Amino acid sequence: MDPHPSFAQDLFAKDNPDINKFEFARSYISALGYMKDIHDRWQKNAPKKHFTKQKTKFILATINDLSLDSTDLLIIKNYLIKYRSSPNNLMHRIADMVVEATDREITINHQEKRLWQDWYDLNAAKQVTKAKEVEFINAEYSLELRRKEAEKTIVQASVMMTKALMSAKNKNGKGHLLAITAQQRQKLLDKLDSWGSENLDWGLKTGQNTLDGSIAVIREILEDSLWISRDEK
């Protein structure tokens, strides 16, 4: 048994004071909406990612998609960057994670655009060889692995974001307390439902992508009746 049961609670209160938590969660969920745009773009154009002998129009479309992805990533970054100066250390850390992950992905996108442009030039010049094709495939695969690592950070940030919604105070005998009102809680769910209503799962599961995992962990805490809104009796 912990001889100092109040220590963890006191530390949580110090690092996670109830400051602007609704605004933070709303910004975070809004940012995820742009991640959905990226995800939908990937899903729509997934087939061309697995073939290297595309017509040039598909290669150019991929380059354009990567530019659009980077624009959306920059918007995601801008939603969270202001919280890097938050007096709430947990929110500060989450913002750092998202900003760093989006910066990494934008860099990867720039590198991938150059890769696809070089591939376009080879195709246009009719200089594609088997060796160059293998080189292209390997380089593309390496970039995809790096992107997946950056995306893991987003999922980790989403899990931490749910911790930020918690209050250091507790509702004795009723459940745990969220630092938002019931109305604010519903607004967050409504915003999530405006673009994420097809994903109603709770919690992280094997095989989920970044977006689905993030939605699932956020939906879990917002819908779980054990977590009491701060204005509930």
Protein backbone atom coordinates (compact mmCIF):
# COMPACT_ATOMS: atom_id res chain seq x y z
CA MET A 1 0.00 0.00 0.00
CA ASP A 2 1.26 3.46 -0.87
CA PRO A 3 2.43 5.10 2.38
CA HIS A 4 1.87 8.51 0.78
CA PRO A 5 -1.46 8.14 -1.10
CA SER A 6 -1.81 11.87 -1.72
CA PHE A 7 1.55 12.21 -3.48
CA ALA A 8 0.40 11.10 -6.95
CA GLN A 9 -2.73 13.23 -6.70
CA ASP A 10 -0.75 16.28 -5.60
CA LEU A 11 1.71 15.80 -8.46
CA PHE A 12 -1.16 15.44 -10.93
CA ALA A 13 -2.73 18.66 -9.65
CA LYS A 14 0.58 20.50 -9.97
CA ASP A 15 1.31 19.36 -13.52
CA ASN A 16 -2.29 19.38 -14.75
CA PRO A 17 -4.20 22.34 -13.25
CA ASP A 18 -7.72 22.92 -14.54
CA ILE A 19 -6.85 25.72 -16.98
CA ASN A 20 -8.46 26.14 -20.43
CA LYS A 21 -9.05 22.40 -20.76
CA PHE A 22 -12.18 22.70 -22.86
CA GLU A 23 -10.47 25.06 -25.31
CA PHE A 24 -7.50 22.73 -25.48
CA ALA A 25 -9.65 19.64 -26.17
CA ARG A 26 -11.66 21.53 -28.77
CA SER A 27 -8.46 22.60 -30.54
CA TYR A 28 -7.12 19.05 -30.40
CA ILE A 29 -10.28 17.53 -31.87
CA SER A 30 -10.40 20.23 -34.55
CA ALA A 31 -6.81 19.35 -35.47
CA LEU A 32 -7.79 15.69 -35.79
CA GLY A 33 -10.36 16.76 -38.38
CA TYR A 34 -7.48 17.73 -40.67
CA MET A 35 -5.83 14.41 -39.95
CA LYS A 36 -9.03 12.83 -41.26
CA ASP A 37 -8.59 14.80 -44.50
CA ILE A 38 -5.11 13.31 -44.84
CA HIS A 39 -6.37 9.83 -44.00
CA ASP A 40 -9.21 10.07 -46.53
CA ARG A 41 -6.76 11.21 -49.19
CA TRP A 42 -4.52 8.22 -48.47
CA GLN A 43 -7.46 5.82 -48.59
CA LYS A 44 -8.72 7.22 -51.89
CA ASN A 45 -5.32 7.03 -53.52
CA ALA A 46 -3.93 3.93 -51.80
CA PRO A 47 -3.75 1.77 -54.96
CA LYS A 48 -1.21 4.00 -56.64
CA LYS A 49 1.10 3.74 -53.64
CA HIS A 50 1.66 0.06 -54.42
CA PHE A 51 2.51 0.27 -58.10
CA THR A 52 5.52 1.97 -59.63
CA LYS A 53 4.60 1.81 -63.32
CA GLN A 54 1.79 4.34 -63.11
CA LYS A 55 0.93 6.72 -65.84
CA THR A 56 2.56 10.08 -65.29
CA LYS A 57 -0.73 11.69 -64.26
CA PHE A 58 -0.88 9.42 -61.20
CA ILE A 59 2.67 10.30 -60.24
CA LEU A 60 1.86 14.00 -60.49
CA ALA A 61 -1.31 13.42 -58.46
CA THR A 62 0.78 11.80 -55.72
CA ILE A 63 3.10 14.81 -55.63
CA ASN A 64 0.08 17.09 -55.36
CA ASP A 65 -1.44 14.95 -52.59
CA LEU A 66 1.77 15.19 -50.58
CA SER A 67 1.63 18.97 -50.86
CA LEU A 68 -1.96 18.94 -49.61
CA ASP A 69 -0.96 16.61 -46.77
CA SER A 70 1.75 19.04 -45.69
CA THR A 71 -0.71 21.92 -45.71
CA ASP A 72 -3.08 19.95 -43.45
CA LEU A 73 -0.19 18.99 -41.17
CA LEU A 74 0.76 22.65 -40.84
CA ILE A 75 -2.81 23.47 -39.81
CA ILE A 76 -2.70 20.67 -37.20
CA LYS A 77 0.55 22.11 -35.89
CA ASN A 78 -0.91 25.61 -35.68
CA TYR A 79 -3.89 24.37 -33.65
CA LEU A 80 -1.58 23.04 -30.94
CA ILE A 81 1.52 25.24 -31.04
CA LYS A 82 0.00 27.97 -28.85
CA TYR A 83 -0.32 25.46 -26.00
CA ARG A 84 3.44 25.07 -25.80
CA SER A 85 3.36 28.08 -23.49
CA SER A 86 0.52 26.70 -21.35
CA PRO A 87 1.01 26.74 -17.55
CA ASN A 88 -0.48 23.24 -17.64
CA ASN A 89 2.61 21.06 -18.04
CA LEU A 90 0.66 18.12 -19.44
CA MET A 91 -0.98 20.22 -22.15
CA HIS A 92 2.43 21.73 -22.88
CA ARG A 93 3.92 18.26 -23.35
CA ILE A 94 1.08 17.13 -25.61
CA ALA A 95 1.48 20.22 -27.78
CA ASP A 96 5.23 19.53 -28.02
CA MET A 97 4.57 15.97 -29.16
CA VAL A 98 2.10 17.00 -31.86
CA VAL A 99 4.25 19.86 -33.14
CA GLU A 100 7.34 17.66 -33.32
CA ALA A 101 5.43 14.83 -35.02
CA THR A 102 3.90 17.13 -37.64
CA ASP A 103 7.29 18.72 -38.33
CA ARG A 104 8.74 15.25 -38.89
CA GLU A 105 5.90 14.30 -41.24
CA ILE A 106 6.21 17.51 -43.23
CA THR A 107 9.93 16.82 -43.69
CA ILE A 108 9.13 13.27 -44.82
CA ASN A 109 6.56 14.62 -47.29
CA HIS A 110 9.12 16.98 -48.81
CA GLN A 111 11.54 14.09 -49.23
CA GLU A 112 8.84 11.89 -50.71
CA LYS A 113 7.83 14.60 -53.17
CA ARG A 114 11.42 14.75 -54.43
CA LEU A 115 11.46 10.95 -54.71
CA TRP A 116 8.29 10.92 -56.79
CA GLN A 117 9.49 13.83 -58.91
CA ASP A 118 12.69 11.93 -59.72
CA TRP A 119 10.56 8.89 -60.57
CA TYR A 120 8.40 11.04 -62.84
CA ASP A 121 11.48 12.37 -64.62
CA LEU A 122 12.79 8.83 -65.17
CA ASN A 123 9.46 7.73 -66.60
CA ALA A 124 9.18 10.78 -68.81
CA ALA A 125 12.69 10.18 -70.14
CA LYS A 126 11.95 6.45 -70.57
CA GLN A 127 14.99 5.61 -68.45
CA VAL A 128 13.30 3.26 -65.96
CA THR A 129 15.24 0.09 -65.29
CA LYS A 130 14.54 -2.80 -62.94
CA ALA A 131 17.36 -1.67 -60.65
CA LYS A 132 16.01 1.88 -60.49
CA GLU A 133 12.53 0.54 -59.84
CA VAL A 134 13.77 -1.51 -56.88
CA GLU A 135 15.65 1.53 -55.59
CA PHE A 136 12.49 3.61 -55.81
CA ILE A 137 10.39 0.98 -54.01
CA ASN A 138 12.93 0.65 -51.19
CA ALA A 139 13.19 4.41 -50.74
CA GLU A 140 9.39 4.75 -50.65
CA TYR A 141 9.12 1.95 -48.09
CA SER A 142 11.74 3.59 -45.87
CA LEU A 143 9.80 6.86 -45.89
CA GLU A 144 6.57 5.06 -45.02
CA LEU A 145 8.23 3.44 -42.00
CA ARG A 146 9.45 6.82 -40.79
CA ARG A 147 5.97 8.26 -41.22
CA LYS A 148 4.45 5.46 -39.15
CA GLU A 149 6.87 6.24 -36.33
CA ALA A 150 5.80 9.88 -36.36
CA GLU A 151 2.15 8.83 -36.34
CA LYS A 152 2.70 6.71 -33.22
CA THR A 153 3.58 9.92 -31.43
CA ILE A 154 0.18 11.38 -32.38
CA VAL A 155 -1.61 8.39 -30.86
CA GLN A 156 0.47 8.76 -27.69
CA ALA A 157 -0.44 12.45 -27.58
CA SER A 158 -4.15 11.55 -27.94
CA VAL A 159 -3.92 9.20 -24.96
CA MET A 160 -2.26 11.95 -22.95
CA MET A 161 -4.91 14.42 -24.07
CA THR A 162 -7.55 12.35 -22.30
CA LYS A 163 -5.45 12.59 -19.13
CA ALA A 164 -5.43 16.37 -19.51
CA LEU A 165 -9.24 16.37 -19.42
CA MET A 166 -9.18 14.79 -15.97
CA SER A 167 -9.40 16.91 -12.86
CA ALA A 168 -7.18 16.37 -9.85
CA LYS A 169 -10.34 16.55 -7.77
CA ASN A 170 -12.55 13.52 -7.41
CA LYS A 171 -16.25 12.79 -6.93
CA ASN A 172 -16.21 10.53 -3.90
CA GLY A 173 -18.48 7.54 -4.36
CA LYS A 174 -19.74 8.62 -7.78
CA GLY A 175 -16.81 8.44 -10.11
CA HIS A 176 -13.93 10.50 -11.38
CA LEU A 177 -14.18 14.15 -12.30
CA LEU A 178 -13.57 15.78 -15.67
CA ALA A 179 -12.50 19.42 -15.79
CA ILE A 180 -15.28 20.32 -18.26
CA THR A 181 -19.01 20.88 -17.91
CA ALA A 182 -21.67 18.57 -19.32
CA GLN A 183 -22.44 21.12 -22.03
CA GLN A 184 -18.78 21.42 -23.00
CA ARG A 185 -18.50 17.64 -23.01
CA GLN A 186 -21.42 17.37 -25.43
CA LYS A 187 -19.90 20.04 -27.66
CA LEU A 188 -16.72 18.00 -27.91
CA LEU A 189 -18.68 14.88 -28.80
CA ASP A 190 -20.72 16.81 -31.37
CA LYS A 191 -17.51 18.10 -32.95
CA LEU A 192 -16.09 14.60 -33.00
CA ASP A 193 -19.31 13.26 -34.51
CA SER A 194 -19.29 15.92 -37.22
CA TRP A 195 -16.48 14.00 -38.94
CA GLY A 196 -15.75 10.91 -36.84
CA SER A 197 -19.20 9.40 -36.33
CA GLU A 198 -18.31 6.29 -38.32
CA ASN A 199 -15.87 5.30 -35.58
CA LEU A 200 -17.81 4.55 -32.40
CA ASP A 201 -15.25 2.24 -30.80
CA TRP A 202 -13.79 2.79 -27.36
CA GLY A 203 -10.10 2.38 -26.59
CA LEU A 204 -7.04 1.40 -28.59
CA LYS A 205 -7.14 -1.83 -30.56
CA THR A 206 -4.64 -3.77 -32.62
CA GLY A 207 -4.59 -2.69 -36.25
CA GLN A 208 -6.10 0.75 -35.75
CA ASN A 209 -4.61 3.58 -37.74
CA THR A 210 -3.56 6.86 -36.14
CA LEU A 211 -6.89 8.57 -36.68
CA ASP A 212 -9.09 5.68 -35.48
CA GLY A 213 -6.94 5.14 -32.41
CA SER A 214 -7.08 8.82 -31.49
CA ILE A 215 -10.86 8.98 -31.93
CA ALA A 216 -11.34 5.82 -29.87
CA VAL A 217 -9.40 6.97 -26.82
CA ILE A 218 -11.06 10.41 -26.82
CA ARG A 219 -14.54 8.98 -27.29
CA GLU A 220 -13.98 6.56 -24.43
CA ILE A 221 -13.46 9.21 -21.78
CA LEU A 222 -16.16 11.55 -23.13
CA GLU A 223 -18.82 8.81 -23.22
CA ASP A 224 -17.91 6.86 -20.08
CA SER A 225 -20.46 7.60 -17.33
CA LEU A 226 -17.84 6.88 -14.67
CA TRP A 227 -16.28 10.20 -15.59
CA ILE A 228 -18.42 12.95 -14.12
CA SER A 229 -18.67 16.42 -15.67
CA ARG A 230 -17.62 19.09 -13.21
CA ASP A 231 -21.13 20.58 -12.94
CA GLU A 232 -22.90 17.26 -12.37
CA LYS A 233 -24.40 16.57 -8.96
